[in-house]
Amino acid sequence: MEFKKLSAGTIYKHLTIGALIGSLPVGLLFGISSMFDMSSIKLNETPVIGVMALVV
């Protein structure tokens, strides 16, 4: 078997992609549910609802 040498840039790229794949669906779910007044996102102990919930 042959293995390629991994550079630091490749490792960081894979970690970033993995973190985005894991957190993006959860963030979108919380943002969409907040648009419908479910108050799942709080900013400074204040519920964020509407389109601003997708931005936060």
PDB file of N, CA and C in Angstrom:
ATOM      1  N   MET A   1       0.831  -1.178   0.000  1.00  0.00           N
ATOM      2  CA  MET A   1       0.000   0.000   0.000  1.00  0.00           C
ATOM      3  C   MET A   1       0.877   1.243   0.000  1.00  0.00           C
ATOM      4  N   GLU A   2       0.399   2.236  -0.690  1.00  0.00           N
ATOM      5  CA  GLU A   2       1.106   3.509  -0.712  1.00  0.00           C
ATOM      6  C   GLU A   2       0.228   4.583  -0.098  1.00  0.00           C
ATOM      7  N   PHE A   3       0.842   5.452   0.664  1.00  0.00           N
ATOM      8  CA  PHE A   3       0.121   6.546   1.297  1.00  0.00           C
ATOM      9  C   PHE A   3       0.753   7.862   0.884  1.00  0.00           C
ATOM     10  N   LYS A   4      -0.096   8.845   0.625  1.00  0.00           N
ATOM     11  CA  LYS A   4       0.412  10.180   0.340  1.00  0.00           C
ATOM     12  C   LYS A   4       0.677  10.901   1.649  1.00  0.00           C
ATOM     13  N   LYS A   5       1.639  11.784   1.611  1.00  0.00           N
ATOM     14  CA  LYS A   5       1.932  12.586   2.788  1.00  0.00           C
ATOM     15  C   LYS A   5       0.868  13.687   2.902  1.00  0.00           C
ATOM     16  N   LEU A   6       0.291  13.825   4.082  1.00  0.00           N
ATOM     17  CA  LEU A   6      -0.724  14.848   4.302  1.00  0.00           C
ATOM     18  C   LEU A   6      -0.072  16.119   4.824  1.00  0.00           C
ATOM     19  N   SER A   7      -0.415  17.230   4.200  1.00  0.00           N
ATOM     20  CA  SER A   7       0.115  18.504   4.681  1.00  0.00           C
ATOM     21  C   SER A   7      -0.850  19.092   5.710  1.00  0.00           C
ATOM     22  N   ALA A   8      -0.398  20.096   6.418  1.00  0.00           N
ATOM     23  CA  ALA A   8      -1.237  20.736   7.438  1.00  0.00           C
ATOM     24  C   ALA A   8      -2.455  21.385   6.794  1.00  0.00           C
ATOM     25  N   GLY A   9      -2.289  21.965   5.612  1.00  0.00           N
ATOM     26  CA  GLY A   9      -3.412  22.596   4.917  1.00  0.00           C
ATOM     27  C   GLY A   9      -4.507  21.599   4.576  1.00  0.00           C
ATOM     28  N   THR A  10      -4.118  20.409   4.159  1.00  0.00           N
ATOM     29  CA  THR A  10      -5.095  19.372   3.827  1.00  0.00           C
ATOM     30  C   THR A  10      -5.867  18.933   5.065  1.00  0.00           C
ATOM     31  N   ILE A  11      -5.176  18.782   6.162  1.00  0.00           N
ATOM     32  CA  ILE A  11      -5.833  18.361   7.403  1.00  0.00           C
ATOM     33  C   ILE A  11      -6.815  19.422   7.868  1.00  0.00           C
ATOM     34  N   TYR A  12      -6.393  20.700   7.840  1.00  0.00           N
ATOM     35  CA  TYR A  12      -7.295  21.779   8.260  1.00  0.00           C
ATOM     36  C   TYR A  12      -8.493  21.905   7.327  1.00  0.00           C
ATOM     37  N   LYS A  13      -8.286  21.671   6.033  1.00  0.00           N
ATOM     38  CA  LYS A  13      -9.387  21.735   5.081  1.00  0.00           C
ATOM     39  C   LYS A  13     -10.419  20.648   5.392  1.00  0.00           C
ATOM     40  N   HIS A  14      -9.956  19.450   5.671  1.00  0.00           N
ATOM     41  CA  HIS A  14     -10.863  18.349   5.996  1.00  0.00           C
ATOM     42  C   HIS A  14     -11.597  18.604   7.312  1.00  0.00           C
ATOM     43  N   LEU A  15     -10.912  19.158   8.296  1.00  0.00           N
ATOM     44  CA  LEU A  15     -11.563  19.483   9.568  1.00  0.00           C
ATOM     45  C   LEU A  15     -12.630  20.554   9.387  1.00  0.00           C
ATOM     46  N   THR A  16     -12.343  21.569   8.577  1.00  0.00           N
ATOM     47  CA  THR A  16     -13.305  22.638   8.330  1.00  0.00           C
ATOM     48  C   THR A  16     -14.533  22.113   7.603  1.00  0.00           C
ATOM     49  N   ILE A  17     -14.325  21.314   6.590  1.00  0.00           N
ATOM     50  CA  ILE A  17     -15.450  20.745   5.842  1.00  0.00           C
ATOM     51  C   ILE A  17     -16.289  19.854   6.748  1.00  0.00           C
ATOM     52  N   GLY A  18     -15.657  19.050   7.576  1.00  0.00           N
ATOM     53  CA  GLY A  18     -16.394  18.185   8.500  1.00  0.00           C
ATOM     54  C   GLY A  18     -17.204  18.970   9.512  1.00  0.00           C
ATOM     55  N   ALA A  19     -16.635  20.057  10.022  1.00  0.00           N
ATOM     56  CA  ALA A  19     -17.358  20.887  10.988  1.00  0.00           C
ATOM     57  C   ALA A  19     -18.554  21.564  10.330  1.00  0.00           C
ATOM     58  N   LEU A  20     -18.392  22.025   9.094  1.00  0.00           N
ATOM     59  CA  LEU A  20     -19.506  22.670   8.398  1.00  0.00           C
ATOM     60  C   LEU A  20     -20.618  21.676   8.078  1.00  0.00           C
ATOM     61  N   ILE A  21     -20.235  20.489   7.651  1.00  0.00           N
ATOM     62  CA  ILE A  21     -21.245  19.475   7.336  1.00  0.00           C
ATOM     63  C   ILE A  21     -22.022  19.088   8.589  1.00  0.00           C
ATOM     64  N   GLY A  22     -21.350  19.075   9.727  1.00  0.00           N
ATOM     65  CA  GLY A  22     -22.024  18.715  10.975  1.00  0.00           C
ATOM     66  C   GLY A  22     -22.886  19.818  11.548  1.00  0.00           C
ATOM     67  N   SER A  23     -22.441  21.077  11.435  1.00  0.00           N
ATOM     68  CA  SER A  23     -23.159  22.163  12.105  1.00  0.00           C
ATOM     69  C   SER A  23     -24.155  22.886  11.211  1.00  0.00           C
ATOM     70  N   LEU A  24     -23.975  22.847   9.911  1.00  0.00           N
ATOM     71  CA  LEU A  24     -24.865  23.581   9.016  1.00  0.00           C
ATOM     72  C   LEU A  24     -26.311  23.090   9.075  1.00  0.00           C
ATOM     73  N   PRO A  25     -26.587  21.786   9.012  1.00  0.00           N
ATOM     74  CA  PRO A  25     -27.985  21.348   9.093  1.00  0.00           C
ATOM     75  C   PRO A  25     -28.654  21.723  10.414  1.00  0.00           C
ATOM     76  N   VAL A  26     -27.924  21.632  11.510  1.00  0.00           N
ATOM     77  CA  VAL A  26     -28.493  21.983  12.816  1.00  0.00           C
ATOM     78  C   VAL A  26     -28.791  23.473  12.868  1.00  0.00           C
ATOM     79  N   GLY A  27     -27.877  24.297  12.373  1.00  0.00           N
ATOM     80  CA  GLY A  27     -28.087  25.738  12.343  1.00  0.00           C
ATOM     81  C   GLY A  27     -29.266  26.128  11.477  1.00  0.00           C
ATOM     82  N   LEU A  28     -29.391  25.480  10.321  1.00  0.00           N
ATOM     83  CA  LEU A  28     -30.540  25.761   9.460  1.00  0.00           C
ATOM     84  C   LEU A  28     -31.845  25.327  10.113  1.00  0.00           C
ATOM     85  N   LEU A  29     -31.843  24.192  10.779  1.00  0.00           N
ATOM     86  CA  LEU A  29     -33.045  23.721  11.464  1.00  0.00           C
ATOM     87  C   LEU A  29     -33.480  24.704  12.540  1.00  0.00           C
ATOM     88  N   PHE A  30     -32.526  25.160  13.366  1.00  0.00           N
ATOM     89  CA  PHE A  30     -32.854  26.126  14.412  1.00  0.00           C
ATOM     90  C   PHE A  30     -33.302  27.450  13.809  1.00  0.00           C
ATOM     91  N   GLY A  31     -32.661  27.897  12.738  1.00  0.00           N
ATOM     92  CA  GLY A  31     -33.034  29.154  12.103  1.00  0.00           C
ATOM     93  C   GLY A  31     -34.421  29.112  11.501  1.00  0.00           C
ATOM     94  N   ILE A  32     -34.745  28.024  10.818  1.00  0.00           N
ATOM     95  CA  ILE A  32     -36.072  27.896  10.210  1.00  0.00           C
ATOM     96  C   ILE A  32     -37.144  27.771  11.280  1.00  0.00           C
ATOM     97  N   SER A  33     -36.870  27.023  12.341  1.00  0.00           N
ATOM     98  CA  SER A  33     -37.868  26.907  13.411  1.00  0.00           C
ATOM     99  C   SER A  33     -38.053  28.243  14.125  1.00  0.00           C
ATOM    100  N   SER A  34     -37.011  29.052  14.208  1.00  0.00           N
ATOM    101  CA  SER A  34     -37.153  30.372  14.827  1.00  0.00           C
ATOM    102  C   SER A  34     -37.947  31.321  13.947  1.00  0.00           C
ATOM    103  N   MET A  35     -37.896  31.104  12.649  1.00  0.00           N
ATOM    104  CA  MET A  35     -38.703  31.947  11.760  1.00  0.00           C
ATOM    105  C   MET A  35     -40.186  31.747  12.024  1.00  0.00           C
ATOM    106  N   PHE A  36     -40.545  30.579  12.517  1.00  0.00           N
ATOM    107  CA  PHE A  36     -41.950  30.289  12.795  1.00  0.00           C
ATOM    108  C   PHE A  36     -42.266  30.420  14.278  1.00  0.00           C
ATOM    109  N   ASP A  37     -41.578  31.341  14.969  1.00  0.00           N
ATOM    110  CA  ASP A  37     -41.843  31.710  16.367  1.00  0.00           C
ATOM    111  C   ASP A  37     -41.674  30.570  17.359  1.00  0.00           C
ATOM    112  N   MET A  38     -40.738  29.679  17.130  1.00  0.00           N
ATOM    113  CA  MET A  38     -40.510  28.600  18.090  1.00  0.00           C
ATOM    114  C   MET A  38     -39.465  28.968  19.137  1.00  0.00           C
ATOM    115  N   SER A  39     -38.846  30.124  19.033  1.00  0.00           N
ATOM    116  CA  SER A  39     -37.917  30.690  20.029  1.00  0.00           C
ATOM    117  C   SER A  39     -36.798  29.733  20.438  1.00  0.00           C
ATOM    118  N   SER A  40     -36.190  29.080  19.490  1.00  0.00           N
ATOM    119  CA  SER A  40     -35.096  28.174  19.843  1.00  0.00           C
ATOM    120  C   SER A  40     -33.739  28.867  19.829  1.00  0.00           C
ATOM    121  N   ILE A  41     -33.676  30.095  19.324  1.00  0.00           N
ATOM    122  CA  ILE A  41     -32.417  30.839  19.308  1.00  0.00           C
ATOM    123  C   ILE A  41     -32.555  32.040  20.218  1.00  0.00           C
ATOM    124  N   LYS A  42     -31.582  32.213  21.121  1.00  0.00           N
ATOM    125  CA  LYS A  42     -31.589  33.362  22.024  1.00  0.00           C
ATOM    126  C   LYS A  42     -30.275  34.108  21.866  1.00  0.00           C
ATOM    127  N   LEU A  43     -30.365  35.432  21.838  1.00  0.00           N
ATOM    128  CA  LEU A  43     -29.203  36.299  21.756  1.00  0.00           C
ATOM    129  C   LEU A  43     -29.316  37.288  22.898  1.00  0.00           C
ATOM    130  N   ASN A  44     -28.390  37.206  23.850  1.00  0.00           N
ATOM    131  CA  ASN A  44     -28.432  38.030  25.068  1.00  0.00           C
ATOM    132  C   ASN A  44     -29.741  37.823  25.831  1.00  0.00           C
ATOM    133  N   GLU A  45     -30.129  36.557  25.976  1.00  0.00           N
ATOM    134  CA  GLU A  45     -31.343  36.158  26.703  1.00  0.00           C
ATOM    135  C   GLU A  45     -32.625  36.695  26.075  1.00  0.00           C
ATOM    136  N   THR A  46     -32.576  37.144  24.815  1.00  0.00           N
ATOM    137  CA  THR A  46     -33.753  37.618  24.094  1.00  0.00           C
ATOM    138  C   THR A  46     -34.000  36.671  22.926  1.00  0.00           C
ATOM    139  N   PRO A  47     -35.213  36.116  22.794  1.00  0.00           N
ATOM    140  CA  PRO A  47     -35.489  35.229  21.663  1.00  0.00           C
ATOM    141  C   PRO A  47     -35.375  35.973  20.332  1.00  0.00           C
ATOM    142  N   VAL A  48     -34.722  35.348  19.369  1.00  0.00           N
ATOM    143  CA  VAL A  48     -34.577  35.930  18.038  1.00  0.00           C
ATOM    144  C   VAL A  48     -35.510  35.172  17.112  1.00  0.00           C
ATOM    145  N   ILE A  49     -36.406  35.884  16.449  1.00  0.00           N
ATOM    146  CA  ILE A  49     -37.374  35.244  15.557  1.00  0.00           C
ATOM    147  C   ILE A  49     -37.344  35.942  14.202  1.00  0.00           C
ATOM    148  N   GLY A  50     -37.991  35.350  13.232  1.00  0.00           N
ATOM    149  CA  GLY A  50     -38.077  35.935  11.901  1.00  0.00           C
ATOM    150  C   GLY A  50     -36.828  35.670  11.076  1.00  0.00           C
ATOM    151  N   VAL A  51     -36.640  36.509  10.067  1.00  0.00           N
ATOM    152  CA  VAL A  51     -35.515  36.342   9.150  1.00  0.00           C
ATOM    153  C   VAL A  51     -34.179  36.541   9.872  1.00  0.00           C
ATOM    154  N   MET A  52     -34.167  37.370  10.911  1.00  0.00           N
ATOM    155  CA  MET A  52     -32.932  37.608  11.664  1.00  0.00           C
ATOM    156  C   MET A  52     -32.408  36.319  12.301  1.00  0.00           C
ATOM    157  N   ALA A  53     -33.280  35.356  12.563  1.00  0.00           N
ATOM    158  CA  ALA A  53     -32.855  34.088  13.163  1.00  0.00           C
ATOM    159  C   ALA A  53     -31.936  33.311  12.223  1.00  0.00           C
ATOM    160  N   LEU A  54     -32.141  33.447  10.914  1.00  0.00           N
ATOM    161  CA  LEU A  54     -31.254  32.768   9.968  1.00  0.00           C
ATOM    162  C   LEU A  54     -29.885  33.428   9.929  1.00  0.00           C
ATOM    163  N   VAL A  55     -29.845  34.744  10.156  1.00  0.00           N
ATOM    164  CA  VAL A  55     -28.573  35.463  10.138  1.00  0.00           C
ATOM    165  C   VAL A  55     -27.753  35.134  11.373  1.00  0.00           C
ATOM    166  N   VAL A  56     -28.423  35.039  12.526  1.00  0.00           N
ATOM    167  CA  VAL A  56     -27.726  34.758  13.781  1.00  0.00           C
ATOM    168  C   VAL A  56     -27.314  33.321  13.756  1.00  0.00           C
TER     169      VAL A  56
END
